[in-house]
Protein backbone atom coordinates (compact mmCIF):
# COMPACT_ATOMS: atom_id res chain seq x y z
CA UNK A 1 -7.51 -18.25 55.40
CA UNK A 2 -4.59 -17.16 53.22
CA UNK A 3 -5.90 -19.42 50.37
CA UNK A 4 -9.34 -17.88 50.51
CA UNK A 5 -7.83 -14.43 50.50
CA UNK A 6 -5.72 -15.20 47.49
CA UNK A 7 -8.70 -16.64 45.61
CA UNK A 8 -10.80 -13.63 46.51
CA UNK A 9 -8.07 -11.37 45.32
CA UNK A 10 -7.86 -13.28 42.00
CA UNK A 11 -11.66 -13.08 41.58
CA UNK A 12 -11.64 -9.37 42.32
CA UNK A 13 -8.79 -8.91 39.85
CA UNK A 14 -10.73 -10.77 37.15
CA UNK A 15 -13.97 -8.96 37.90
CA UNK A 16 -12.44 -5.55 37.74
CA UNK A 17 -11.57 -5.60 34.02
CA UNK A 18 -14.99 -7.07 33.24
CA UNK A 19 -16.78 -4.32 35.12
CA UNK A 20 -14.69 -1.63 33.49
CA UNK A 21 -15.37 -3.09 30.03
CA UNK A 22 -19.05 -3.29 30.79
CA UNK A 23 -19.12 0.30 31.89
CA UNK A 24 -17.33 1.32 28.71
CA UNK A 25 -19.83 -0.52 26.55
CA UNK A 26 -22.75 0.99 28.42
CA UNK A 27 -21.26 4.49 28.03
CA UNK A 28 -20.70 3.88 24.30
CA UNK A 29 -24.30 2.80 23.85
CA UNK A 30 -25.64 5.80 25.69
CA UNK A 31 -23.37 8.35 23.96
CA UNK A 32 -25.00 10.21 21.06
CA UNK A 33 -23.56 9.77 17.56
CA UNK A 34 -20.87 12.30 16.63
CA UNK A 35 -22.05 15.46 14.97
CA UNK A 36 -21.82 15.40 11.17
CA UNK A 37 -21.17 11.65 11.08
CA UNK A 38 -23.39 8.79 10.16
CA UNK A 39 -25.51 7.11 12.76
CA UNK A 40 -24.31 3.45 13.27
CA UNK A 41 -27.91 2.29 13.16
CA UNK A 42 -28.87 4.45 10.17
CA UNK A 43 -28.51 3.86 6.48
CA UNK A 44 -25.15 2.88 5.06
CA UNK A 45 -22.84 5.19 3.25
CA UNK A 46 -24.05 6.49 -0.06
CA UNK A 47 -21.12 5.06 -2.02
CA UNK A 48 -18.23 2.81 -1.16
CA UNK A 49 -15.18 4.68 -2.39
CA UNK A 50 -13.13 1.52 -2.79
CA UNK A 51 -15.59 -0.24 -5.09
CA UNK A 52 -16.40 2.84 -7.12
CA UNK A 53 -12.72 3.78 -7.61
CA UNK A 54 -11.95 0.24 -8.62
CA UNK A 55 -14.69 0.27 -11.17
CA UNK A 56 -13.56 3.63 -12.62
CA UNK A 57 -10.12 2.14 -13.15
CA UNK A 58 -11.58 -0.71 -15.20
CA UNK A 59 -11.97 -0.49 -19.01
CA UNK A 60 -15.75 0.39 -18.95
CA UNK A 61 -15.03 2.98 -16.25
CA UNK A 62 -12.32 4.63 -18.31
CA UNK A 63 -14.65 4.52 -21.32
CA UNK A 64 -17.29 6.44 -19.41
CA UNK A 65 -14.78 8.96 -17.95
CA UNK A 66 -13.31 9.71 -21.40
CA UNK A 67 -16.79 10.49 -22.83
CA UNK A 68 -17.73 12.66 -19.83
CA UNK A 69 -14.41 14.55 -19.81
CA UNK A 70 -14.79 15.46 -23.46
CA UNK A 71 -18.41 16.65 -23.06
CA UNK A 72 -17.76 18.51 -19.80
CA UNK A 73 -14.98 20.48 -21.58
CA UNK A 74 -17.50 21.41 -24.25
CA UNK A 75 -20.30 22.23 -21.78
CA UNK A 76 -18.34 24.50 -19.42
CA UNK A 77 -16.13 26.24 -21.91
CA UNK A 78 -18.53 29.12 -22.57
CA UNK A 79 -19.93 29.49 -19.02
CA UNK A 80 -18.78 32.80 -17.57
CA UNK A 81 -18.79 34.16 -14.08
CA UNK A 82 -16.55 34.21 -11.01
CA UNK A 83 -17.15 31.09 -8.88
CA UNK A 84 -17.45 27.49 -10.08
CA UNK A 85 -17.61 24.27 -8.00
CA UNK A 86 -17.34 20.58 -8.92
CA UNK A 87 -18.71 18.04 -6.46
CA UNK A 88 -17.16 14.62 -6.25
CA UNK A 89 -15.38 12.42 -8.88
CA UNK A 90 -11.67 13.27 -8.31
CA UNK A 91 -10.74 11.24 -11.44
CA UNK A 92 -12.76 13.76 -13.53
CA UNK A 93 -11.61 17.34 -14.00
CA UNK A 94 -14.89 18.82 -15.17
CA UNK A 95 -13.74 22.47 -14.79
CA UNK A 96 -10.45 22.34 -16.65
CA UNK A 97 -11.88 24.07 -19.75
CA UNK A 98 -13.67 26.72 -17.76
CA UNK A 99 -12.12 30.17 -17.41
CA UNK A 100 -13.60 31.41 -14.14
CA UNK A 101 -11.04 32.82 -11.72
CA UNK A 102 -12.29 30.80 -8.73
CA UNK A 103 -12.72 27.10 -9.32
CA UNK A 104 -13.09 24.72 -6.33
CA UNK A 105 -13.32 20.90 -6.13
CA UNK A 106 -15.55 19.62 -3.31
CA UNK A 107 -14.64 16.16 -2.14
CA UNK A 108 -15.94 13.78 0.51
CA UNK A 109 -13.79 12.46 3.30
CA UNK A 110 -12.93 9.15 1.64
CA UNK A 111 -12.29 10.45 -1.84
CA UNK A 112 -8.65 10.46 -3.08
CA UNK A 113 -6.97 13.64 -4.11
CA UNK A 114 -7.40 14.79 -7.73
CA UNK A 115 -4.54 15.23 -10.15
CA UNK A 116 -5.02 18.98 -10.54
CA UNK A 117 -3.69 21.51 -8.01
CA UNK A 118 -6.72 23.80 -7.71
CA UNK A 119 -8.33 24.60 -4.35
CA UNK A 120 -10.14 21.71 -2.67
CA UNK A 121 -12.58 21.42 0.20
CA UNK A 122 -13.57 18.31 2.22
CA UNK A 123 -17.22 17.95 3.16
CA UNK A 124 -19.32 15.21 4.82
CA UNK A 125 -22.01 14.89 2.19
CA UNK A 126 -23.40 16.88 -0.71
CA UNK A 127 -26.81 17.48 0.86
CA UNK A 128 -25.26 20.41 2.72
CA UNK A 129 -22.75 22.55 0.84
CA UNK A 130 -20.50 25.00 2.72
CA UNK A 131 -21.18 27.92 0.39
CA UNK A 132 -23.22 31.06 0.76
CA UNK A 133 -26.61 31.42 -0.79
CA UNK A 134 -26.54 32.74 -4.40
CA UNK A 135 -22.75 32.71 -4.49
CA UNK A 136 -21.92 30.35 -7.38
CA UNK A 137 -22.14 30.73 -11.09
CA UNK A 138 -21.54 27.15 -12.06
CA UNK A 139 -22.12 23.91 -10.19
CA UNK A 140 -21.17 20.49 -11.63
CA UNK A 141 -22.60 17.24 -10.22
CA UNK A 142 -20.98 14.23 -11.94
CA UNK A 143 -22.71 11.04 -10.67
CA UNK A 144 -23.70 12.74 -7.39
CA UNK A 145 -27.50 12.38 -7.44
CA UNK A 146 -27.51 8.63 -8.06
CA UNK A 147 -25.29 7.96 -5.09
CA UNK A 148 -26.81 10.44 -2.66
CA UNK A 149 -29.14 9.55 0.27
CA UNK A 150 -31.53 12.32 -0.69
CA UNK A 151 -31.12 13.52 -4.33
CA UNK A 152 -33.97 16.04 -3.86
CA UNK A 153 -32.02 17.76 -1.07
CA UNK A 154 -28.94 17.91 -3.29
CA UNK A 155 -30.92 19.71 -5.97
CA UNK A 156 -32.48 22.03 -3.36
CA UNK A 157 -28.97 22.85 -2.12
CA UNK A 158 -27.85 23.51 -5.66
CA UNK A 159 -30.78 25.91 -6.08
CA UNK A 160 -29.75 27.68 -2.89
CA UNK A 161 -26.07 28.25 -3.75
CA UNK A 162 -26.56 29.16 -7.40
CA UNK A 163 -27.06 32.74 -8.42
CA UNK A 164 -29.95 33.76 -10.78
CA UNK A 165 -29.03 32.65 -14.28
CA UNK A 166 -26.41 30.27 -12.79
CA UNK A 167 -25.85 26.95 -14.54
CA UNK A 168 -26.17 23.42 -13.15
CA UNK A 169 -24.64 20.47 -15.05
CA UNK A 170 -25.56 16.90 -14.01
CA UNK A 171 -24.29 13.60 -15.39
CA UNK A 172 -25.50 10.12 -14.57
CA UNK A 173 -26.23 6.64 -15.88
CA UNK A 174 -29.27 6.13 -18.09
CA UNK A 175 -31.66 3.40 -16.88
CA UNK A 176 -33.13 3.15 -20.40
CA UNK A 177 -30.00 1.66 -21.91
CA UNK A 178 -28.21 -1.63 -22.29
CA UNK A 179 -26.16 -0.79 -19.19
CA UNK A 180 -29.31 -0.11 -17.19
CA UNK A 181 -30.87 -3.44 -18.38
CA UNK A 182 -27.67 -5.28 -17.40
CA UNK A 183 -27.63 -3.61 -14.01
CA UNK A 184 -31.25 -4.11 -12.92
CA UNK A 185 -33.24 -6.33 -15.23
CA UNK A 186 -30.64 -9.12 -15.21
CA UNK A 187 -29.52 -8.85 -11.62
CA UNK A 188 -30.66 -12.40 -10.85
CA UNK A 189 -28.92 -13.93 -13.90
CA UNK A 190 -25.75 -11.86 -14.33
CA UNK A 191 -23.45 -10.11 -11.97
CA UNK A 192 -23.98 -6.32 -11.97
CA UNK A 193 -21.57 -4.28 -14.00
CA UNK A 194 -21.66 -1.20 -11.78
CA UNK A 195 -21.56 -0.87 -7.99
CA UNK A 196 -25.07 -1.69 -6.80
CA UNK A 197 -25.25 1.13 -4.26
CA UNK A 198 -26.30 3.62 -6.91
CA UNK A 199 -29.82 4.38 -8.12
CA UNK A 200 -30.24 5.37 -11.76
CA UNK A 201 -32.34 8.48 -12.36
CA UNK A 202 -34.05 8.84 -15.73
CA UNK A 203 -33.79 12.05 -17.64
CA UNK A 204 -37.57 12.80 -17.62
CA UNK A 205 -37.65 12.49 -13.84
CA UNK A 206 -34.60 14.74 -13.51
CA UNK A 207 -36.28 17.31 -15.74
CA UNK A 208 -39.35 17.27 -13.47
CA UNK A 209 -37.28 17.77 -10.34
CA UNK A 210 -35.42 20.69 -11.96
CA UNK A 211 -38.67 22.23 -13.21
CA UNK A 212 -40.16 22.22 -9.76
CA UNK A 213 -37.16 24.23 -8.48
CA UNK A 214 -37.39 26.75 -11.24
CA UNK A 215 -34.57 25.45 -13.49
CA UNK A 216 -34.88 25.58 -17.23
CA UNK A 217 -33.30 22.47 -18.66
CA UNK A 218 -31.67 22.26 -22.02
CA UNK A 219 -31.44 19.33 -24.42
CA UNK A 220 -29.83 16.31 -22.81
CA UNK A 221 -26.70 14.75 -24.27
CA UNK A 222 -26.38 10.96 -24.47
CA UNK A 223 -23.31 8.84 -25.06
CA UNK A 224 -21.59 5.46 -24.63
CA UNK A 225 -23.75 3.26 -26.84
CA UNK A 226 -21.43 0.25 -26.71
CA UNK A 227 -22.73 -2.80 -24.79
CA UNK A 228 -21.64 -3.33 -21.19
CA UNK A 229 -18.41 -5.21 -21.76
CA UNK A 230 -15.86 -5.73 -19.02
CA UNK A 231 -12.76 -6.04 -21.25
CA UNK A 232 -11.10 -3.51 -23.48
CA UNK A 233 -11.00 -6.08 -26.32
CA UNK A 234 -14.79 -6.29 -26.62
CA UNK A 235 -15.20 -2.54 -26.19
CA UNK A 236 -12.89 -2.06 -29.17
CA UNK A 237 -14.78 -4.67 -31.18
CA UNK A 238 -18.10 -2.92 -30.65
CA UNK A 239 -16.78 0.57 -31.51
CA UNK A 240 -19.04 0.66 -34.60
CA UNK A 241 -22.07 0.99 -32.30
CA UNK A 242 -21.11 4.53 -31.40
CA UNK A 243 -22.19 5.96 -34.73
CA UNK A 244 -25.13 3.54 -35.04
CA UNK A 245 -26.40 4.43 -31.57
CA UNK A 246 -26.10 8.17 -32.15
CA UNK A 247 -28.27 7.80 -35.24
CA UNK A 248 -30.74 5.03 -34.52
CA UNK A 249 -31.26 4.99 -30.74
CA UNK A 250 -29.84 8.33 -29.46
CA UNK A 251 -31.75 8.38 -26.15
CA UNK A 252 -30.50 4.92 -25.16
CA UNK A 253 -26.92 5.83 -24.37
CA UNK A 254 -25.42 4.53 -21.13
CA UNK A 255 -24.54 8.01 -19.86
CA UNK A 256 -26.38 11.33 -20.10
CA UNK A 257 -25.55 14.94 -19.31
CA UNK A 258 -28.17 17.58 -18.54
CA UNK A 259 -27.57 21.29 -18.29
CA UNK A 260 -30.00 23.57 -16.51
CA UNK A 261 -30.20 27.32 -15.88
CA UNK A 262 -31.65 28.81 -12.72
CA UNK A 263 -34.46 31.18 -13.65
CA UNK A 264 -35.73 33.72 -11.12
CA UNK A 265 -38.78 35.73 -12.02
CA UNK A 266 -38.26 39.44 -11.59
CA UNK A 267 -41.00 41.77 -10.38
CA UNK A 268 -41.48 45.47 -10.03
CA UNK A 269 -43.41 46.85 -7.10
CA UNK A 270 -45.91 49.52 -8.10
CA UNK A 271 -46.72 51.89 -5.22
CA UNK A 272 -49.74 54.18 -4.75
CA UNK A 273 -50.03 57.30 -6.78
CA UNK A 274 -49.55 60.00 -4.18
CA UNK A 275 -49.58 62.87 -6.71
CA UNK A 276 -52.52 63.65 -8.88
CA UNK A 277 -51.75 63.64 -12.49
CA UNK A 278 -51.55 67.14 -13.93
CA UNK A 279 -53.87 67.77 -16.86
CA UNK A 280 -52.25 69.48 -19.78
CA UNK A 281 -53.90 72.79 -20.61
CA UNK A 282 -54.92 73.40 -24.17
CA UNK A 283 -52.82 76.12 -25.77
CA UNK A 284 -54.51 78.29 -28.33
CA UNK A 285 -52.56 78.51 -31.53
CA UNK A 286 -53.10 81.52 -33.76
CA UNK A 287 -53.79 80.47 -37.24
CA UNK A 288 -52.56 82.75 -40.05
CA UNK A 289 -55.20 84.71 -42.00
CA UNK A 290 -55.26 84.29 -45.66
CA UNK A 291 -55.22 87.60 -47.58
CA UNK A 292 -57.69 87.94 -50.44
CA UNK A 293 -56.37 88.69 -53.81
CA UNK A 294 -58.16 91.53 -55.67
CA UNK A 295 -60.59 90.33 -58.17
CA UNK A 296 -59.56 91.42 -61.58
CA UNK A 297 -63.13 91.12 -62.81
CA UNK A 298 -64.37 93.61 -60.21
CA UNK A 299 -65.11 97.14 -61.38
């Protein structure tokens, strides 16, 4: 009897943890996903920070960042206002040449801290920005659209937060380039040069999206005409292609930058004419009489 009791106690002791674990699994399955987080059964994250940061630290990544830094300094230098925001890319200080008093860097949760000491804000994703409507004068999106779940929503959010005549600057990889051909056309033969989570957006398509939202796009800037080389040695050897590409195939650069201005049509409401228009009365004007001169021949 004592043996059976001991065995029963051991069985109960072993069954208790299993039942508690089963209840915990069942509660975890029934619990809703946390607010603001990604659904475990939904799509994966838009960009793996580790892979992307590792690529930016490589020679081709530094080559792209150097070109973008120089052209962002040129693009934002003459943009005036009060509030400017850069989304993503902590390795890139796109607002350092801008002179607005309030410049904020919006980062995702997994992004490292940037080198500058300006105000920063952490957000979950760029499809929902924590800014008031029509509160920004400048919004910079470096490589944000190509790694977003819904790039259309990112542009709609940019249209919401920008003021009329506000400026939007977007940079991305050009699919009509040697880098785009290496990334997508030769994916079965060669290893991809860039992280494969991104989706390249062509400049004509980006222009169409901006036009639908009322943005007026300016001329796109292209750069990085060297072939997709992984080592600094071969990037230096192909430096001559920078001038040749700018002259002979300018729209085939690996990176582009598009600047757009938010246009809002103004209108003037014309109300009903409650007062009748007063007709101007004609005023008689006395004309001077001409005096006759005596005729010398008279008499």
